[in-house]
N, C-alpha and C. Protein backbone atom coordinates (compact mmCIF):
# COMPACT_ATOMS: atom_id res chain seq x y z
N MET A 1 -13.70 6.62 14.63
CA MET A 1 -12.27 5.79 13.90
C MET A 1 -13.32 4.37 13.41
N ASN A 2 -12.73 4.13 12.03
CA ASN A 2 -12.90 3.21 11.13
C ASN A 2 -11.90 1.90 10.95
N LEU A 3 -11.95 1.15 11.72
CA LEU A 3 -10.76 0.16 11.57
C LEU A 3 -11.28 -1.25 10.60
N GLU A 4 -12.12 -1.16 10.05
CA GLU A 4 -12.33 -1.86 8.86
C GLU A 4 -11.42 -2.07 7.88
N VAL A 5 -10.90 -3.16 7.47
CA VAL A 5 -9.79 -2.89 6.66
C VAL A 5 -10.43 -3.45 5.07
N LYS A 6 -9.71 -2.63 4.26
CA LYS A 6 -10.47 -2.53 3.14
C LYS A 6 -9.40 -2.37 1.80
N THR A 7 -9.38 -2.95 0.45
CA THR A 7 -8.52 -3.00 -0.10
C THR A 7 -8.67 -2.28 -1.22
N THR A 8 -7.73 -1.44 -1.70
CA THR A 8 -7.62 -0.43 -2.95
C THR A 8 -6.90 -1.17 -4.08
N ILE A 9 -7.18 -0.85 -5.40
CA ILE A 9 -6.80 -1.58 -6.24
C ILE A 9 -6.36 -0.46 -7.56
N HIS A 10 -5.35 -1.04 -8.47
CA HIS A 10 -5.32 -0.06 -9.40
C HIS A 10 -4.52 1.27 -9.36
N ILE A 11 -3.75 1.17 -8.30
CA ILE A 11 -2.72 2.39 -7.82
C ILE A 11 -1.66 2.25 -8.60
N SER A 12 -1.57 3.54 -9.45
CA SER A 12 -0.80 3.63 -10.51
C SER A 12 0.63 3.53 -9.89
N THR A 13 1.48 3.07 -10.60
CA THR A 13 3.19 2.98 -9.87
C THR A 13 3.53 3.78 -9.15
N SER A 14 3.32 5.31 -9.70
CA SER A 14 4.16 6.60 -9.02
C SER A 14 3.28 6.76 -8.02
N ASP A 15 2.15 6.44 -7.95
CA ASP A 15 1.35 6.83 -6.55
C ASP A 15 1.75 5.58 -5.73
N TRP A 16 1.92 4.52 -6.22
CA TRP A 16 2.28 3.28 -5.18
C TRP A 16 3.75 3.39 -4.49
N ASN A 17 4.60 4.13 -5.30
CA ASN A 17 6.12 4.64 -4.81
C ASN A 17 5.83 5.82 -3.96
N ARG A 18 4.72 6.40 -3.88
CA ARG A 18 4.69 7.90 -3.25
C ARG A 18 3.95 7.45 -1.84
N ILE A 19 3.16 6.28 -1.98
CA ILE A 19 2.76 6.01 -0.57
C ILE A 19 3.83 5.67 0.10
N ILE A 20 4.76 4.48 -0.38
CA ILE A 20 5.78 3.96 0.31
C ILE A 20 6.69 4.99 0.89
N THR A 21 7.16 6.16 -0.05
CA THR A 21 7.77 7.24 0.59
C THR A 21 7.48 7.79 1.72
N TYR A 22 5.99 8.10 1.75
CA TYR A 22 5.25 8.79 2.92
C TYR A 22 5.42 7.89 3.93
N LEU A 23 5.13 6.45 3.94
CA LEU A 23 4.99 5.83 5.17
C LEU A 23 6.42 5.84 5.86
N LYS A 24 7.43 5.34 5.11
CA LYS A 24 8.96 5.81 5.35
C LYS A 24 8.84 7.04 6.41
N GLN A 25 8.90 7.92 5.69
CA GLN A 25 9.07 9.46 6.32
C GLN A 25 8.09 9.20 7.86
N THR A 26 6.95 8.82 7.59
CA THR A 26 6.32 8.88 8.92
C THR A 26 6.43 8.08 10.10
N ASN A 27 7.33 7.49 9.85
CA ASN A 27 7.98 6.22 10.96
C ASN A 27 7.12 5.24 10.80
N TRP A 28 6.48 4.47 9.70
CA TRP A 28 6.33 3.11 9.73
C TRP A 28 7.21 2.23 9.56
N ARG A 29 7.05 1.15 10.40
CA ARG A 29 8.23 0.24 10.29
C ARG A 29 7.87 -0.76 9.18
N LEU A 30 9.15 -1.31 8.57
CA LEU A 30 8.86 -2.03 7.83
C LEU A 30 9.12 -3.28 8.13
N LYS A 31 7.94 -4.29 8.12
CA LYS A 31 7.62 -5.66 9.01
C LYS A 31 8.28 -6.91 7.99
N LYS A 32 7.66 -6.50 6.90
CA LYS A 32 8.12 -7.80 5.56
C LYS A 32 8.36 -7.14 4.25
N GLN A 33 9.20 -7.77 3.47
CA GLN A 33 8.95 -7.15 2.16
C GLN A 33 9.18 -8.37 1.26
N TYR A 34 9.07 -8.22 -0.12
CA TYR A 34 9.58 -9.36 -1.10
C TYR A 34 10.76 -9.09 -1.57
N TRP A 35 11.75 -10.31 -1.48
CA TRP A 35 13.01 -10.26 -1.90
C TRP A 35 13.13 -11.22 -3.03
N GLY A 36 12.32 -11.86 -4.20
CA GLY A 36 12.39 -12.45 -5.21
C GLY A 36 13.52 -11.87 -6.19
N PHE A 37 13.94 -12.61 -7.46
CA PHE A 37 14.58 -12.17 -8.09
C PHE A 37 14.18 -11.21 -9.06
N ASP A 38 12.71 -11.06 -9.24
CA ASP A 38 11.65 -10.29 -9.84
C ASP A 38 11.19 -9.01 -9.29
N LYS A 39 11.81 -8.94 -8.00
CA LYS A 39 11.36 -7.59 -7.21
C LYS A 39 11.66 -6.68 -7.93
N GLY A 40 10.52 -5.85 -8.38
CA GLY A 40 10.37 -4.35 -8.62
C GLY A 40 10.24 -4.58 -10.18
N ILE A 41 10.42 -5.56 -10.91
CA ILE A 41 10.37 -5.98 -12.37
C ILE A 41 8.97 -6.46 -12.74
N ASP A 42 8.71 -7.80 -12.05
CA ASP A 42 7.25 -7.97 -11.93
C ASP A 42 6.33 -8.35 -10.97
N TYR A 43 7.11 -7.97 -9.65
CA TYR A 43 6.46 -8.09 -8.51
C TYR A 43 6.93 -7.60 -7.23
N ASP A 44 5.94 -6.90 -6.38
CA ASP A 44 6.63 -6.49 -5.21
C ASP A 44 5.64 -6.39 -4.06
N TYR A 45 6.01 -6.34 -3.00
CA TYR A 45 5.29 -6.49 -1.67
C TYR A 45 5.87 -5.51 -0.51
N TYR A 46 5.53 -4.87 0.21
CA TYR A 46 5.44 -4.37 1.48
C TYR A 46 4.55 -4.43 2.39
N HIS A 47 5.16 -4.57 3.89
CA HIS A 47 4.14 -4.80 5.03
C HIS A 47 4.86 -3.90 6.10
N TYR A 48 3.90 -2.67 6.06
CA TYR A 48 4.42 -1.57 7.29
C TYR A 48 3.43 -1.96 8.78
N THR A 49 4.04 -1.41 9.58
CA THR A 49 3.28 -1.30 10.82
C THR A 49 3.49 -0.17 11.79
N LYS A 50 2.69 0.13 12.51
CA LYS A 50 2.81 1.73 13.19
C LYS A 50 2.12 1.57 14.46
N GLN A 51 2.24 1.42 15.52
CA GLN A 51 1.41 1.00 16.60
C GLN A 51 0.73 -0.31 16.06
N LYS A 52 -0.64 -0.40 16.46
CA LYS A 52 -1.47 -1.21 16.13
C LYS A 52 -1.87 -1.43 14.36
N GLN A 53 -1.38 -0.71 13.84
CA GLN A 53 -1.79 -0.57 12.40
C GLN A 53 -1.09 -1.07 11.65
N GLU A 54 -1.87 -1.81 10.52
CA GLU A 54 -0.78 -2.14 9.26
C GLU A 54 -1.22 -1.62 8.06
N VAL A 55 -0.36 -1.55 7.36
CA VAL A 55 -0.29 -1.20 6.07
C VAL A 55 0.18 -2.42 4.98
N LYS A 56 -0.50 -3.06 4.06
CA LYS A 56 -0.34 -4.06 3.20
C LYS A 56 0.11 -3.53 1.70
N LEU A 57 1.00 -3.38 0.92
CA LEU A 57 1.11 -2.99 -0.45
C LEU A 57 1.52 -3.90 -1.41
N ALA A 58 1.13 -4.65 -2.43
CA ALA A 58 1.62 -5.28 -3.36
C ALA A 58 1.56 -4.74 -5.00
N TRP A 59 2.26 -4.96 -5.55
CA TRP A 59 2.56 -4.23 -7.00
C TRP A 59 2.82 -5.33 -7.79
N CYS A 60 2.39 -5.52 -9.24
CA CYS A 60 2.77 -6.41 -10.18
C CYS A 60 2.84 -5.18 -11.59
N ASN A 61 3.25 -5.93 -12.27
CA ASN A 61 3.63 -5.08 -13.64
C ASN A 61 2.00 -4.86 -14.75
N TRP A 62 1.12 -6.13 -13.97
CA TRP A 62 0.04 -6.09 -14.98
C TRP A 62 -0.95 -5.09 -14.72
N PHE A 63 -1.14 -5.56 -13.13
CA PHE A 63 -2.01 -4.79 -12.58
C PHE A 63 -1.80 -3.53 -11.77
N GLU A 64 -0.75 -3.46 -11.76
CA GLU A 64 0.02 -2.03 -10.67
C GLU A 64 0.02 -2.39 -9.30
N GLY A 65 -0.21 -1.42 -8.39
CA GLY A 65 -0.30 -1.53 -7.05
C GLY A 65 -1.58 -2.03 -6.56
N GLU A 66 -1.71 -2.38 -5.34
CA GLU A 66 -2.66 -2.45 -4.45
C GLU A 66 -2.60 -2.37 -2.76
N MET A 67 -3.51 -1.97 -2.32
CA MET A 67 -3.24 -1.43 -0.86
C MET A 67 -4.45 -2.26 0.03
N GLN A 68 -3.72 -2.72 1.48
CA GLN A 68 -4.83 -3.59 2.08
C GLN A 68 -4.57 -2.84 3.45
N THR A 69 -5.54 -2.24 3.87
CA THR A 69 -4.95 -1.13 5.51
C THR A 69 -6.54 -0.80 5.80
N THR A 70 -6.87 -0.21 6.93
CA THR A 70 -7.83 0.64 7.41
C THR A 70 -8.40 1.48 6.59
N GLU A 71 -9.82 1.83 6.55
CA GLU A 71 -10.64 2.93 5.98
C GLU A 71 -9.79 4.15 6.40
N ASP A 72 -9.40 4.39 7.86
CA ASP A 72 -8.88 5.50 8.15
C ASP A 72 -7.50 5.96 7.92
N ILE A 73 -6.61 4.79 7.42
CA ILE A 73 -5.58 5.14 6.89
C ILE A 73 -5.53 5.31 5.63
N ILE A 74 -6.52 4.91 4.65
CA ILE A 74 -6.62 5.01 3.35
C ILE A 74 -7.15 6.76 3.16
N LEU A 75 -8.10 7.18 4.16
CA LEU A 75 -8.35 8.36 3.68
C LEU A 75 -7.24 9.26 3.99
N LEU A 76 -6.41 8.93 5.61
CA LEU A 76 -4.94 9.66 5.82
C LEU A 76 -4.53 10.00 4.27
N LEU A 77 -4.00 8.69 3.76
CA LEU A 77 -3.01 8.88 2.62
C LEU A 77 -3.71 9.83 1.51
N ALA A 78 -4.58 9.41 1.48
CA ALA A 78 -5.96 10.38 0.10
C ALA A 78 -5.53 12.00 0.36
N ASN A 79 -5.83 12.27 1.77
CA ASN A 79 -5.70 13.50 1.90
C ASN A 79 -4.22 14.10 1.97
N GLU A 80 -3.41 13.34 2.28
CA GLU A 80 -2.03 13.72 2.73
C GLU A 80 -1.13 13.80 1.29
N LEU A 81 -1.63 12.89 0.52
CA LEU A 81 -0.73 12.51 -0.94
C LEU A 81 -1.95 13.21 -1.83
N GLN A 82 -2.98 13.59 -1.73
CA GLN A 82 -4.01 14.01 -2.83
C GLN A 82 -3.98 13.17 -3.66
N LEU A 83 -4.78 11.65 -3.23
CA LEU A 83 -4.88 10.63 -4.03
C LEU A 83 -6.21 10.36 -4.08
N SER A 84 -6.77 9.56 -4.82
CA SER A 84 -8.24 9.03 -4.72
C SER A 84 -7.88 7.46 -5.04
N PHE A 85 -8.69 6.55 -4.13
CA PHE A 85 -8.70 5.35 -4.69
C PHE A 85 -9.90 4.55 -4.92
N THR A 86 -9.79 3.46 -5.42
CA THR A 86 -10.53 2.59 -6.03
C THR A 86 -10.87 1.37 -5.21
N TYR A 87 -11.74 1.38 -4.69
CA TYR A 87 -11.90 -0.09 -3.78
C TYR A 87 -12.28 -1.40 -4.54
N GLY A 88 -11.70 -2.66 -4.31
CA GLY A 88 -11.97 -3.83 -5.18
C GLY A 88 -11.43 -5.07 -4.32
N ALA A 89 -11.54 -6.21 -4.99
CA ALA A 89 -10.87 -7.25 -4.73
C ALA A 89 -9.29 -7.43 -5.02
N PRO A 90 -8.31 -8.24 -4.21
CA PRO A 90 -7.01 -7.92 -4.39
C PRO A 90 -7.01 -9.28 -5.44
N GLU A 91 -6.09 -9.15 -5.92
CA GLU A 91 -5.31 -9.95 -6.97
C GLU A 91 -4.03 -10.28 -6.31
N HIS A 92 -3.18 -9.83 -5.63
CA HIS A 92 -1.91 -10.17 -5.21
C HIS A 92 -1.57 -10.19 -3.45
N LEU A 93 -2.12 -9.42 -2.94
CA LEU A 93 -2.41 -9.63 -1.41
C LEU A 93 -2.98 -10.35 -0.83
């Protein structure tokens, strides 16, 4: 089990939305979300939890999606959703 937190960047908007749908369908609890006037237009943010695990997702219309979670969760999402991720420094998380 790898609990090191990593950040993935440049997640396409469609893949970012697929990740959110998957988290909802697999009983992750929404802990926090962005409610600004530009939600989903210029910026968006979600923070999900499940047991002691966390997934933070940010999106902006310039850089698209980012995700911060453990490598185990990143690998799970990659396998379940047939995605590949790029690691890097966050712009919005």
